[in-house]
C-alpha atoms as a PDB file:
ATOM      1  CA  UNK A   1       9.783  15.172 -37.472  1.00  0.00           C
ATOM      2  CA  UNK A   2       6.212  14.078 -37.997  1.00  0.00           C
ATOM      3  CA  UNK A   3       3.430  16.624 -38.421  1.00  0.00           C
ATOM      4  CA  UNK A   4       0.333  16.318 -36.289  1.00  0.00           C
ATOM      5  CA  UNK A   5      -1.699  15.225 -39.309  1.00  0.00           C
ATOM      6  CA  UNK A   6       0.760  12.532 -40.396  1.00  0.00           C
ATOM      7  CA  UNK A   7       0.938  11.184 -36.849  1.00  0.00           C
ATOM      8  CA  UNK A   8      -2.849  10.926 -36.685  1.00  0.00           C
ATOM      9  CA  UNK A   9      -2.878   9.118 -40.022  1.00  0.00           C
ATOM     10  CA  UNK A  10      -0.195   6.703 -38.794  1.00  0.00           C
ATOM     11  CA  UNK A  11      -2.185   5.995 -35.630  1.00  0.00           C
ATOM     12  CA  UNK A  12      -5.239   5.228 -37.749  1.00  0.00           C
ATOM     13  CA  UNK A  13      -3.437   2.996 -40.255  1.00  0.00           C
ATOM     14  CA  UNK A  14      -1.589   1.057 -37.557  1.00  0.00           C
ATOM     15  CA  UNK A  15      -4.723   0.792 -35.360  1.00  0.00           C
ATOM     16  CA  UNK A  16      -2.479   2.099 -32.618  1.00  0.00           C
ATOM     17  CA  UNK A  17      -5.155   2.279 -29.907  1.00  0.00           C
ATOM     18  CA  UNK A  18      -6.075  -1.390 -30.450  1.00  0.00           C
ATOM     19  CA  UNK A  19      -2.407  -2.344 -30.267  1.00  0.00           C
ATOM     20  CA  UNK A  20      -1.976  -0.455 -26.991  1.00  0.00           C
ATOM     21  CA  UNK A  21      -5.117  -2.077 -25.606  1.00  0.00           C
ATOM     22  CA  UNK A  22      -3.682  -5.514 -26.366  1.00  0.00           C
ATOM     23  CA  UNK A  23      -0.393  -4.490 -24.745  1.00  0.00           C
ATOM     24  CA  UNK A  24      -2.173  -3.261 -21.601  1.00  0.00           C
ATOM     25  CA  UNK A  25      -3.673  -6.725 -21.076  1.00  0.00           C
ATOM     26  CA  UNK A  26      -0.164  -7.987 -20.282  1.00  0.00           C
ATOM     27  CA  UNK A  27       0.447  -5.392 -17.564  1.00  0.00           C
ATOM     28  CA  UNK A  28       0.580  -6.600 -13.960  1.00  0.00           C
ATOM     29  CA  UNK A  29      -0.689  -3.398 -12.350  1.00  0.00           C
ATOM     30  CA  UNK A  30      -3.304  -0.714 -12.888  1.00  0.00           C
ATOM     31  CA  UNK A  31      -0.648   1.960 -13.349  1.00  0.00           C
ATOM     32  CA  UNK A  32       1.207  -0.239 -15.828  1.00  0.00           C
ATOM     33  CA  UNK A  33      -1.935  -0.758 -17.905  1.00  0.00           C
ATOM     34  CA  UNK A  34      -2.647   2.976 -17.908  1.00  0.00           C
ATOM     35  CA  UNK A  35       0.903   3.696 -19.035  1.00  0.00           C
ATOM     36  CA  UNK A  36       0.601   1.168 -21.883  1.00  0.00           C
ATOM     37  CA  UNK A  37      -2.591   2.807 -23.140  1.00  0.00           C
ATOM     38  CA  UNK A  38      -0.967   6.261 -23.060  1.00  0.00           C
ATOM     39  CA  UNK A  39       2.035   5.393 -25.255  1.00  0.00           C
ATOM     40  CA  UNK A  40       2.352   7.418 -28.437  1.00  0.00           C
ATOM     41  CA  UNK A  41       4.300   7.041 -31.657  1.00  0.00           C
ATOM     42  CA  UNK A  42       7.810   8.446 -31.338  1.00  0.00           C
ATOM     43  CA  UNK A  43       8.348  11.670 -33.318  1.00  0.00           C
ATOM     44  CA  UNK A  44      11.675  10.703 -34.905  1.00  0.00           C
ATOM     45  CA  UNK A  45      13.662   7.656 -35.970  1.00  0.00           C
ATOM     46  CA  UNK A  46      16.268   7.822 -33.189  1.00  0.00           C
ATOM     47  CA  UNK A  47      13.684   7.730 -30.410  1.00  0.00           C
ATOM     48  CA  UNK A  48      11.740   4.992 -32.189  1.00  0.00           C
ATOM     49  CA  UNK A  49      14.924   2.930 -32.460  1.00  0.00           C
ATOM     50  CA  UNK A  50      15.576   3.429 -28.735  1.00  0.00           C
ATOM     51  CA  UNK A  51      12.097   2.110 -27.894  1.00  0.00           C
ATOM     52  CA  UNK A  52      12.704  -0.899 -30.166  1.00  0.00           C
ATOM     53  CA  UNK A  53      15.988  -1.580 -28.368  1.00  0.00           C
ATOM     54  CA  UNK A  54      14.192  -1.505 -25.019  1.00  0.00           C
ATOM     55  CA  UNK A  55      11.590  -3.942 -26.317  1.00  0.00           C
ATOM     56  CA  UNK A  56      14.190  -6.317 -27.748  1.00  0.00           C
ATOM     57  CA  UNK A  57      16.158  -6.297 -24.499  1.00  0.00           C
ATOM     58  CA  UNK A  58      13.017  -6.899 -22.446  1.00  0.00           C
ATOM     59  CA  UNK A  59      12.116  -9.907 -24.626  1.00  0.00           C
ATOM     60  CA  UNK A  60      15.674 -11.237 -24.276  1.00  0.00           C
ATOM     61  CA  UNK A  61      15.549 -10.913 -20.488  1.00  0.00           C
ATOM     62  CA  UNK A  62      12.095 -12.472 -20.307  1.00  0.00           C
ATOM     63  CA  UNK A  63      13.292 -15.553 -22.178  1.00  0.00           C
ATOM     64  CA  UNK A  64      16.534 -15.836 -20.188  1.00  0.00           C
ATOM     65  CA  UNK A  65      17.063 -18.224 -17.231  1.00  0.00           C
ATOM     66  CA  UNK A  66      16.792 -15.139 -14.968  1.00  0.00           C
ATOM     67  CA  UNK A  67      13.682 -13.346 -16.289  1.00  0.00           C
ATOM     68  CA  UNK A  68      12.413  -9.922 -15.317  1.00  0.00           C
ATOM     69  CA  UNK A  69      10.574  -9.949 -11.964  1.00  0.00           C
ATOM     70  CA  UNK A  70       6.790  -9.670 -12.190  1.00  0.00           C
ATOM     71  CA  UNK A  71       5.876  -6.218 -10.928  1.00  0.00           C
ATOM     72  CA  UNK A  72       2.521  -6.173  -9.187  1.00  0.00           C
ATOM     73  CA  UNK A  73       2.217  -3.080  -7.044  1.00  0.00           C
ATOM     74  CA  UNK A  74      -0.478  -0.839  -5.541  1.00  0.00           C
ATOM     75  CA  UNK A  75      -1.407   2.456  -7.187  1.00  0.00           C
ATOM     76  CA  UNK A  76       0.007   5.159  -4.891  1.00  0.00           C
ATOM     77  CA  UNK A  77      -0.539   8.053  -7.303  1.00  0.00           C
ATOM     78  CA  UNK A  78      -3.659   9.370  -5.473  1.00  0.00           C
ATOM     79  CA  UNK A  79      -1.719   9.339  -2.194  1.00  0.00           C
ATOM     80  CA  UNK A  80       1.239  11.146  -3.773  1.00  0.00           C
ATOM     81  CA  UNK A  81      -1.106  13.780  -5.192  1.00  0.00           C
ATOM     82  CA  UNK A  82      -2.434  14.427  -1.702  1.00  0.00           C
ATOM     83  CA  UNK A  83       1.091  14.634  -0.292  1.00  0.00           C
ATOM     84  CA  UNK A  84       1.957  17.266  -2.903  1.00  0.00           C
ATOM     85  CA  UNK A  85      -0.864  19.381  -1.454  1.00  0.00           C
ATOM     86  CA  UNK A  86       0.480  19.029   2.084  1.00  0.00           C
ATOM     87  CA  UNK A  87      -1.638  16.100   3.292  1.00  0.00           C
ATOM     88  CA  UNK A  88      -0.403  13.374   5.650  1.00  0.00           C
ATOM     89  CA  UNK A  89      -0.696   9.715   4.672  1.00  0.00           C
ATOM     90  CA  UNK A  90      -2.435   7.022   6.673  1.00  0.00           C
ATOM     91  CA  UNK A  91      -0.474   3.957   7.802  1.00  0.00           C
ATOM     92  CA  UNK A  92      -1.792   1.651   4.996  1.00  0.00           C
ATOM     93  CA  UNK A  93      -0.813   4.262   2.385  1.00  0.00           C
ATOM     94  CA  UNK A  94       2.702   4.469   3.833  1.00  0.00           C
ATOM     95  CA  UNK A  95       2.868   0.663   3.720  1.00  0.00           C
ATOM     96  CA  UNK A  96       1.968   0.746   0.014  1.00  0.00           C
ATOM     97  CA  UNK A  97       4.601   3.411  -0.651  1.00  0.00           C
ATOM     98  CA  UNK A  98       7.238   1.241   1.023  1.00  0.00           C
ATOM     99  CA  UNK A  99       6.153  -1.705  -1.135  1.00  0.00           C
ATOM    100  CA  UNK A 100       6.630   0.352  -4.299  1.00  0.00           C
ATOM    101  CA  UNK A 101      10.043   1.543  -3.096  1.00  0.00           C
ATOM    102  CA  UNK A 102      10.987  -2.093  -2.486  1.00  0.00           C
ATOM    103  CA  UNK A 103      10.062  -2.963  -6.067  1.00  0.00           C
ATOM    104  CA  UNK A 104      12.130  -0.034  -7.326  1.00  0.00           C
ATOM    105  CA  UNK A 105      15.092  -1.425  -5.419  1.00  0.00           C
ATOM    106  CA  UNK A 106      14.474  -4.894  -6.875  1.00  0.00           C
ATOM    107  CA  UNK A 107      14.352  -3.547 -10.442  1.00  0.00           C
ATOM    108  CA  UNK A 108      17.484  -1.493  -9.875  1.00  0.00           C
ATOM    109  CA  UNK A 109      19.356  -4.511  -8.574  1.00  0.00           C
ATOM    110  CA  UNK A 110      18.134  -6.699 -11.446  1.00  0.00           C
ATOM    111  CA  UNK A 111      18.998  -4.256 -14.254  1.00  0.00           C
ATOM    112  CA  UNK A 112      22.367  -3.465 -12.705  1.00  0.00           C
ATOM    113  CA  UNK A 113      23.130  -7.172 -12.730  1.00  0.00           C
ATOM    114  CA  UNK A 114      22.081  -7.459 -16.400  1.00  0.00           C
ATOM    115  CA  UNK A 115      23.623  -4.178 -17.521  1.00  0.00           C
ATOM    116  CA  UNK A 116      25.660  -5.853 -20.296  1.00  0.00           C
ATOM    117  CA  UNK A 117      22.656  -7.814 -21.631  1.00  0.00           C
ATOM    118  CA  UNK A 118      20.280  -4.840 -21.556  1.00  0.00           C
ATOM    119  CA  UNK A 119      22.248  -1.577 -21.751  1.00  0.00           C
ATOM    120  CA  UNK A 120      19.307   0.489 -23.006  1.00  0.00           C
ATOM    121  CA  UNK A 121      17.039  -0.632 -20.153  1.00  0.00           C
ATOM    122  CA  UNK A 122      19.849  -0.249 -17.618  1.00  0.00           C
ATOM    123  CA  UNK A 123      20.343   3.340 -18.763  1.00  0.00           C
ATOM    124  CA  UNK A 124      16.805   4.080 -17.528  1.00  0.00           C
ATOM    125  CA  UNK A 125      18.084   3.656 -13.951  1.00  0.00           C
ATOM    126  CA  UNK A 126      19.428   7.203 -14.096  1.00  0.00           C
ATOM    127  CA  UNK A 127      15.806   8.436 -13.952  1.00  0.00           C
ATOM    128  CA  UNK A 128      15.511   7.027 -10.435  1.00  0.00           C
ATOM    129  CA  UNK A 129      18.100   9.437  -9.103  1.00  0.00           C
ATOM    130  CA  UNK A 130      20.432   8.617  -6.187  1.00  0.00           C
ATOM    131  CA  UNK A 131      19.219   5.462  -4.441  1.00  0.00           C
ATOM    132  CA  UNK A 132      20.311   6.495  -0.953  1.00  0.00           C
ATOM    133  CA  UNK A 133      17.406   8.887  -0.387  1.00  0.00           C
ATOM    134  CA  UNK A 134      14.517   6.555  -1.189  1.00  0.00           C
ATOM    135  CA  UNK A 135      16.264   3.597   0.461  1.00  0.00           C
ATOM    136  CA  UNK A 136      16.461   5.557   3.716  1.00  0.00           C
ATOM    137  CA  UNK A 137      12.824   6.525   3.284  1.00  0.00           C
ATOM    138  CA  UNK A 138      11.817   2.874   2.875  1.00  0.00           C
ATOM    139  CA  UNK A 139      13.802   1.900   5.967  1.00  0.00           C
ATOM    140  CA  UNK A 140      12.069   4.642   7.967  1.00  0.00           C
ATOM    141  CA  UNK A 141       8.622   3.466   6.851  1.00  0.00           C
ATOM    142  CA  UNK A 142       9.452  -0.190   7.526  1.00  0.00           C
ATOM    143  CA  UNK A 143      10.631   0.768  11.010  1.00  0.00           C
ATOM    144  CA  UNK A 144       7.334   2.475  11.815  1.00  0.00           C
ATOM    145  CA  UNK A 145       4.696   0.609   9.749  1.00  0.00           C
ATOM    146  CA  UNK A 146       3.953  -3.125   9.832  1.00  0.00           C
ATOM    147  CA  UNK A 147       3.296  -5.214   6.673  1.00  0.00           C
ATOM    148  CA  UNK A 148      -0.374  -5.280   7.742  1.00  0.00           C
ATOM    149  CA  UNK A 149      -0.539  -1.482   7.483  1.00  0.00           C
ATOM    150  CA  UNK A 150      -0.621  -0.552  11.171  1.00  0.00           C
ATOM    151  CA  UNK A 151       1.723   1.637  13.203  1.00  0.00           C
ATOM    152  CA  UNK A 152       4.291  -0.385  15.146  1.00  0.00           C
ATOM    153  CA  UNK A 153       4.750   0.200  18.850  1.00  0.00           C
ATOM    154  CA  UNK A 154       8.457   0.592  18.102  1.00  0.00           C
ATOM    155  CA  UNK A 155       7.835   3.572  15.801  1.00  0.00           C
ATOM    156  CA  UNK A 156       8.983   5.971  18.538  1.00  0.00           C
ATOM    157  CA  UNK A 157       9.855   5.813  22.259  1.00  0.00           C
ATOM    158  CA  UNK A 158       6.820   7.950  23.151  1.00  0.00           C
ATOM    159  CA  UNK A 159       4.437   5.723  21.188  1.00  0.00           C
ATOM    160  CA  UNK A 160       5.903   2.600  22.793  1.00  0.00           C
ATOM    161  CA  UNK A 161       5.367   4.128  26.232  1.00  0.00           C
ATOM    162  CA  UNK A 162       1.785   5.169  25.432  1.00  0.00           C
ATOM    163  CA  UNK A 163       0.932   1.749  24.004  1.00  0.00           C
ATOM    164  CA  UNK A 164       2.337   0.004  27.063  1.00  0.00           C
ATOM    165  CA  UNK A 165       0.308   2.292  29.299  1.00  0.00           C
ATOM    166  CA  UNK A 166      -2.838   1.647  27.238  1.00  0.00           C
ATOM    167  CA  UNK A 167      -2.312  -2.118  27.504  1.00  0.00           C
ATOM    168  CA  UNK A 168      -1.870  -1.824  31.248  1.00  0.00           C
ATOM    169  CA  UNK A 169      -5.142   0.116  31.512  1.00  0.00           C
ATOM    170  CA  UNK A 170      -6.948  -2.495  29.399  1.00  0.00           C
ATOM    171  CA  UNK A 171      -5.634  -5.264  31.613  1.00  0.00           C
ATOM    172  CA  UNK A 172      -6.736  -3.349  34.704  1.00  0.00           C
ATOM    173  CA  UNK A 173     -10.237  -2.903  33.247  1.00  0.00           C
ATOM    174  CA  UNK A 174     -10.525  -6.605  32.399  1.00  0.00           C
ATOM    175  CA  UNK A 175      -9.509  -7.568  35.930  1.00  0.00           C
ATOM    176  CA  UNK A 176     -12.074  -5.122  37.343  1.00  0.00           C
ATOM    177  CA  UNK A 177     -14.799  -6.505  35.077  1.00  0.00           C
ATOM    178  CA  UNK A 178     -14.009 -10.064  36.153  1.00  0.00           C
ATOM    179  CA  UNK A 179     -14.379  -8.955  39.765  1.00  0.00           C
ATOM    180  CA  UNK A 180     -17.767  -7.394  38.983  1.00  0.00           C
ATOM    181  CA  UNK A 181     -19.018 -10.486  37.164  1.00  0.00           C
ATOM    182  CA  UNK A 182     -18.135 -12.777  40.074  1.00  0.00           C
ATOM    183  CA  UNK A 183     -19.249 -10.442  42.836  1.00  0.00           C
ATOM    184  CA  UNK A 184     -22.392 -11.232  44.839  1.00  0.00           C
ATOM    185  CA  UNK A 185     -23.026  -7.480  44.989  1.00  0.00           C
ATOM    186  CA  UNK A 186     -23.911  -7.385  41.274  1.00  0.00           C
ATOM    187  CA  UNK A 187     -25.323 -10.884  40.863  1.00  0.00           C
ATOM    188  CA  UNK A 188     -28.983  -9.821  40.764  1.00  0.00           C
ATOM    189  CA  UNK A 189     -28.222  -7.077  38.203  1.00  0.00           C
ATOM    190  CA  UNK A 190     -26.442  -9.196  35.619  1.00  0.00           C
ATOM    191  CA  UNK A 191     -28.238 -11.049  32.855  1.00  0.00           C
ATOM    192  CA  UNK A 192     -25.189 -13.294  32.274  1.00  0.00           C
ATOM    193  CA  UNK A 193     -21.646 -13.498  33.629  1.00  0.00           C
ATOM    194  CA  UNK A 194     -19.620 -12.287  30.634  1.00  0.00           C
ATOM    195  CA  UNK A 195     -18.432  -8.992  29.197  1.00  0.00           C
ATOM    196  CA  UNK A 196     -17.947  -7.822  25.607  1.00  0.00           C
ATOM    197  CA  UNK A 197     -16.836  -4.775  23.645  1.00  0.00           C
ATOM    198  CA  UNK A 198     -19.062  -2.236  21.924  1.00  0.00           C
ATOM    199  CA  UNK A 199     -17.642   0.804  20.098  1.00  0.00           C
ATOM    200  CA  UNK A 200     -14.287   0.221  21.762  1.00  0.00           C
ATOM    201  CA  UNK A 201     -15.744   0.061  25.295  1.00  0.00           C
ATOM    202  CA  UNK A 202     -16.141  -2.883  27.644  1.00  0.00           C
ATOM    203  CA  UNK A 203     -19.784  -3.653  28.450  1.00  0.00           C
ATOM    204  CA  UNK A 204     -21.671  -6.114  30.657  1.00  0.00           C
ATOM    205  CA  UNK A 205     -25.212  -7.473  30.113  1.00  0.00           C
ATOM    206  CA  UNK A 206     -27.614  -5.937  32.615  1.00  0.00           C
ATOM    207  CA  UNK A 207     -31.194  -7.148  33.162  1.00  0.00           C
ATOM    208  CA  UNK A 208     -33.668  -4.814  31.497  1.00  0.00           C
ATOM    209  CA  UNK A 209     -35.564  -4.090  34.711  1.00  0.00           C
ATOM    210  CA  UNK A 210     -32.298  -3.343  36.537  1.00  0.00           C
ATOM    211  CA  UNK A 211     -30.620  -0.905  34.159  1.00  0.00           C
ATOM    212  CA  UNK A 212     -31.858   2.100  36.118  1.00  0.00           C
ATOM    213  CA  UNK A 213     -29.861   0.897  39.122  1.00  0.00           C
ATOM    214  CA  UNK A 214     -26.538   0.828  37.277  1.00  0.00           C
ATOM    215  CA  UNK A 215     -24.757   4.072  36.292  1.00  0.00           C
ATOM    216  CA  UNK A 216     -23.316   4.053  32.772  1.00  0.00           C
ATOM    217  CA  UNK A 217     -24.161   4.137  29.090  1.00  0.00           C
ATOM    218  CA  UNK A 218     -26.624   1.769  27.382  1.00  0.00           C
ATOM    219  CA  UNK A 219     -24.866   0.589  24.184  1.00  0.00           C
ATOM    220  CA  UNK A 220     -27.479  -1.903  23.003  1.00  0.00           C
ATOM    221  CA  UNK A 221     -30.824  -3.410  24.030  1.00  0.00           C
ATOM    222  CA  UNK A 222     -31.767  -7.039  23.464  1.00  0.00           C
ATOM    223  CA  UNK A 223     -35.144  -7.912  21.999  1.00  0.00           C
END
């Protein structure tokens, strides 16, 4: 086993931090680069040999006709830290978590296929634990969250019903606004015959000298 002093001397002689910085440049994600920079010298020969085996196998796979997949993924660590404290995730954060779970599944499938070529790397799959749990989690997220990071109407029967009702109300409001715009009753009040949306509400342009005759909220005033 190395002493703390000898390890520090080895880091200095090998310019270990510079080496890790060069390694981090090849990472395809922020988390990957951070992990590269945090690597330390192994404390004994057996562990060092295991790391060398992993590196050799990774090089072999990279140069093979079926190379390792490029792993670009979002950093979900801040979201996971909030979950550990009891927080709920927003839809885009759940989408990112599902993307990471999908990459985990891809890596698992790839290393299982190349188990004989890379036994040391394939052995790392045991750290992932049983795949059934996180695969079901990914399926649940995919069912409820779209690739754009929004909640799907199909996420639950209640949500589907509420969304349908909201769409019906919006359609009713648009029809009512069209009636107002083409009604002689409001012709002298309107600046122009169109409607728009402000802060999530439908609005119509009213002449400045007529706004006192129309009940409602003034969202904006033209110069």
